[in-house]
């Protein structure tokens, strides 16, 4: 915001002598007679200097100007702060809506993948839910890869499972839920899913 002080090139606490010297320098620089070929520009600048000097060189007019300017600055700052607050609130709301939509699309893709549908079906389902094509493709690819990893992990675990001798059957008896939970280590699928989507079981 340009002030009368800035027009003269002085600080807001400048003395009357400093204001006078600044006006003389500016007047010599922008006097139309000293700017051939730039008369219109020089005339406008010279007039601004004269108006600024007329107010700031008069103690009463300068006091009124300082008071009005201070009030206007406070009003502008309040309006600017309110505008920023509204913009930030709108951004937070947009982020919340986008996050909810993303979580809904991931959950839907997981459900269809768990029912045995392939990647193309996942992609089509997401598109049908007004999911943007690039996001739908990314979710479909990720969920399908995770589902394939889960299946591969399950097949490997089944193949590596040793046959149980009769005397080992007691050790394999069902355990209380708390004991099973404390001993369980996350598999490859769970680790991959947690790392990619931030899900915690």
Protein backbone atom coordinates (compact mmCIF):
# COMPACT_ATOMS: atom_id res chain seq x y z
CA UNK A 1 0.00 0.00 0.00
CA UNK A 2 1.57 3.27 -1.15
CA UNK A 3 1.62 6.04 1.42
CA UNK A 4 2.31 9.77 1.16
CA UNK A 5 5.57 9.11 2.97
CA UNK A 6 6.56 6.58 0.32
CA UNK A 7 5.66 9.08 -2.40
CA UNK A 8 8.17 11.53 -0.94
CA UNK A 9 10.67 8.78 -0.11
CA UNK A 10 10.79 9.37 3.65
CA UNK A 11 9.95 7.35 6.76
CA UNK A 12 6.68 7.84 8.63
CA UNK A 13 8.54 9.53 11.50
CA UNK A 14 10.41 11.98 9.25
CA UNK A 15 10.92 15.51 10.52
CA UNK A 16 9.55 18.56 8.71
CA UNK A 17 13.05 19.40 7.43
CA UNK A 18 13.45 15.88 6.02
CA UNK A 19 10.08 16.18 4.30
CA UNK A 20 11.05 19.51 2.77
CA UNK A 21 14.39 18.20 1.47
CA UNK A 22 12.71 15.12 0.02
CA UNK A 23 10.14 17.28 -1.74
CA UNK A 24 12.83 19.50 -3.29
CA UNK A 25 14.74 16.46 -4.59
CA UNK A 26 11.61 14.94 -6.05
CA UNK A 27 10.46 18.22 -7.58
CA UNK A 28 13.80 18.70 -9.33
CA UNK A 29 13.70 15.15 -10.64
CA UNK A 30 10.12 15.19 -11.91
CA UNK A 31 9.61 18.76 -12.99
CA UNK A 32 8.10 18.62 -16.52
CA UNK A 33 10.77 21.00 -17.84
CA UNK A 34 13.45 18.49 -16.85
CA UNK A 35 11.76 15.55 -18.62
CA UNK A 36 11.40 16.31 -22.32
CA UNK A 37 9.51 13.56 -24.11
CA UNK A 38 8.07 12.32 -20.80
CA UNK A 39 5.97 15.34 -19.95
CA UNK A 40 2.80 13.42 -19.09
CA UNK A 41 4.58 10.96 -16.77
CA UNK A 42 6.59 13.77 -15.15
CA UNK A 43 3.50 15.92 -14.64
CA UNK A 44 1.65 13.08 -12.88
CA UNK A 45 4.63 12.30 -10.62
CA UNK A 46 5.17 15.98 -9.86
CA UNK A 47 1.53 16.44 -8.91
CA UNK A 48 1.69 13.44 -6.53
CA UNK A 49 4.75 14.98 -4.87
CA UNK A 50 2.98 18.32 -4.43
CA UNK A 51 -0.13 16.68 -2.94
CA UNK A 52 1.93 14.59 -0.52
CA UNK A 53 4.00 17.58 0.54
CA UNK A 54 0.93 19.77 1.04
CA UNK A 55 -0.48 17.32 3.59
CA UNK A 56 2.71 16.16 5.35
CA UNK A 57 4.15 19.65 5.71
CA UNK A 58 1.06 20.79 7.63
CA UNK A 59 1.06 19.45 11.20
CA UNK A 60 -2.74 19.21 11.55
CA UNK A 61 -3.31 17.59 8.14
CA UNK A 62 -0.47 15.17 8.80
CA UNK A 63 -2.00 14.13 12.14
CA UNK A 64 -5.39 13.53 10.51
CA UNK A 65 -3.75 11.58 7.69
CA UNK A 66 -1.80 9.40 10.14
CA UNK A 67 -4.97 8.66 12.15
CA UNK A 68 -7.04 7.81 9.08
CA UNK A 69 -4.26 5.69 7.60
CA UNK A 70 -3.85 3.76 10.87
CA UNK A 71 -7.60 3.06 10.98
CA UNK A 72 -7.64 1.92 7.38
CA UNK A 73 -4.65 -0.35 7.96
CA UNK A 74 -6.38 -2.01 10.92
CA UNK A 75 -9.54 -2.50 8.85
CA UNK A 76 -7.54 -3.92 5.94
CA UNK A 77 -5.62 -6.29 8.22
CA UNK A 78 -8.86 -7.51 9.82
CA UNK A 79 -10.45 -8.13 6.42
CA UNK A 80 -7.30 -9.85 5.19
CA UNK A 81 -7.17 -12.10 8.29
CA UNK A 82 -10.85 -13.00 7.87
CA UNK A 83 -10.33 -13.83 4.22
CA UNK A 84 -7.36 -16.05 5.03
CA UNK A 85 -9.35 -17.83 7.74
CA UNK A 86 -12.20 -18.51 5.31
CA UNK A 87 -9.81 -19.80 2.66
CA UNK A 88 -8.10 -22.10 5.16
CA UNK A 89 -11.44 -23.43 6.38
CA UNK A 90 -12.50 -24.11 2.79
CA UNK A 91 -9.22 -25.93 2.11
CA UNK A 92 -9.62 -28.10 5.22
CA UNK A 93 -13.18 -28.99 4.21
CA UNK A 94 -12.07 -29.87 0.68
CA UNK A 95 -9.30 -32.07 2.08
CA UNK A 96 -11.73 -33.82 4.42
CA UNK A 97 -14.14 -34.55 1.57
CA UNK A 98 -11.32 -35.80 -0.65
CA UNK A 99 -10.00 -38.07 2.13
CA UNK A 100 -13.44 -39.55 2.78
CA UNK A 101 -13.93 -40.18 -0.93
CA UNK A 102 -10.50 -41.83 -1.20
CA UNK A 103 -11.13 -44.10 1.79
CA UNK A 104 -14.54 -45.07 0.38
CA UNK A 105 -13.02 -45.96 -3.00
CA UNK A 106 -10.24 -48.04 -1.42
CA UNK A 107 -12.73 -49.93 0.76
CA UNK A 108 -14.95 -50.63 -2.24
CA UNK A 109 -12.02 -51.87 -4.32
CA UNK A 110 -10.91 -54.14 -1.46
CA UNK A 111 -14.39 -55.61 -1.17
CA UNK A 112 -14.65 -56.43 -4.88
CA UNK A 113 -11.09 -57.76 -4.96
CA UNK A 114 -11.89 -59.98 -1.99
CA UNK A 115 -14.86 -61.37 -3.96
CA UNK A 116 -12.42 -62.50 -6.66
CA UNK A 117 -12.89 -59.77 -9.26
CA UNK A 118 -9.89 -58.76 -11.36
CA UNK A 119 -8.19 -55.41 -11.77
CA UNK A 120 -10.33 -54.27 -14.71
CA UNK A 121 -13.52 -54.88 -12.77
CA UNK A 122 -12.16 -52.88 -9.84
CA UNK A 123 -11.30 -50.03 -12.19
CA UNK A 124 -14.77 -50.07 -13.77
CA UNK A 125 -16.53 -50.15 -10.41
CA UNK A 126 -14.56 -47.12 -9.21
CA UNK A 127 -15.32 -45.19 -12.39
CA UNK A 128 -18.99 -45.95 -11.84
CA UNK A 129 -18.72 -44.27 -8.44
CA UNK A 130 -17.56 -40.97 -9.98
CA UNK A 131 -13.93 -41.68 -9.12
CA UNK A 132 -11.52 -39.68 -11.29
CA UNK A 133 -9.88 -41.97 -13.87
CA UNK A 134 -6.29 -41.50 -12.72
CA UNK A 135 -7.18 -42.12 -9.08
CA UNK A 136 -9.36 -45.10 -10.00
CA UNK A 137 -6.49 -46.65 -11.96
CA UNK A 138 -4.04 -46.10 -9.12
CA UNK A 139 -6.34 -47.62 -6.50
CA UNK A 140 -7.26 -50.55 -8.73
CA UNK A 141 -3.61 -51.32 -9.47
CA UNK A 142 -2.59 -51.11 -5.81
CA UNK A 143 -5.48 -53.13 -4.44
CA UNK A 144 -5.10 -55.79 -7.11
CA UNK A 145 -1.36 -56.08 -6.42
CA UNK A 146 -2.03 -56.39 -2.71
CA UNK A 147 -4.67 -59.03 -3.27
CA UNK A 148 -2.30 -61.03 -5.50
CA UNK A 149 0.42 -60.72 -2.88
CA UNK A 150 -1.99 -62.01 -0.26
CA UNK A 151 -2.94 -65.00 -2.37
CA UNK A 152 0.70 -65.82 -3.10
CA UNK A 153 1.57 -65.56 0.57
CA UNK A 154 -1.31 -67.87 1.52
CA UNK A 155 -0.27 -70.45 -1.09
CA UNK A 156 3.33 -70.38 0.11
CA UNK A 157 2.24 -70.80 3.71
CA UNK A 158 0.06 -73.81 2.79
CA UNK A 159 2.89 -75.44 0.83
CA UNK A 160 5.38 -75.00 3.67
CA UNK A 161 3.04 -76.25 6.41
CA UNK A 162 4.48 -79.60 7.78
CA UNK A 163 2.21 -82.56 8.47
CA UNK A 164 1.36 -82.67 12.15
CA UNK A 165 2.23 -85.72 14.22
CA UNK A 166 -0.38 -86.98 16.68
CA UNK A 167 1.74 -85.91 19.64
CA UNK A 168 1.84 -82.36 18.21
CA UNK A 169 -1.92 -81.98 18.03
CA UNK A 170 -2.18 -80.74 21.60
CA UNK A 171 0.20 -77.89 20.83
CA UNK A 172 -1.97 -76.91 17.87
CA UNK A 173 -5.15 -76.71 19.93
CA UNK A 174 -7.01 -73.40 19.71
CA UNK A 175 -5.57 -70.74 21.98
CA UNK A 176 -7.36 -67.88 23.67
CA UNK A 177 -7.90 -64.88 21.41
CA UNK A 178 -5.49 -62.66 23.40
CA UNK A 179 -2.68 -65.18 23.11
CA UNK A 180 -3.18 -65.56 19.36
CA UNK A 181 -3.19 -61.81 18.88
CA UNK A 182 0.00 -61.29 20.92
CA UNK A 183 1.91 -64.00 19.02
CA UNK A 184 0.74 -63.04 15.53
CA UNK A 185 3.30 -61.31 13.33
CA UNK A 186 2.12 -59.26 10.34
CA UNK A 187 2.45 -61.08 7.06
CA UNK A 188 3.71 -59.66 3.78
CA UNK A 189 0.24 -58.50 2.75
CA UNK A 190 -0.47 -56.78 6.07
CA UNK A 191 2.93 -55.06 6.10
CA UNK A 192 2.53 -53.89 2.50
CA UNK A 193 -1.01 -52.65 3.14
CA UNK A 194 0.01 -50.82 6.33
CA UNK A 195 2.94 -49.14 4.62
CA UNK A 196 0.96 -48.06 1.57
CA UNK A 197 -2.27 -46.84 3.11
CA UNK A 198 -1.34 -46.18 6.71
CA UNK A 199 -3.84 -48.79 8.00
CA UNK A 200 -3.24 -50.27 11.41
CA UNK A 201 -4.96 -53.42 12.54
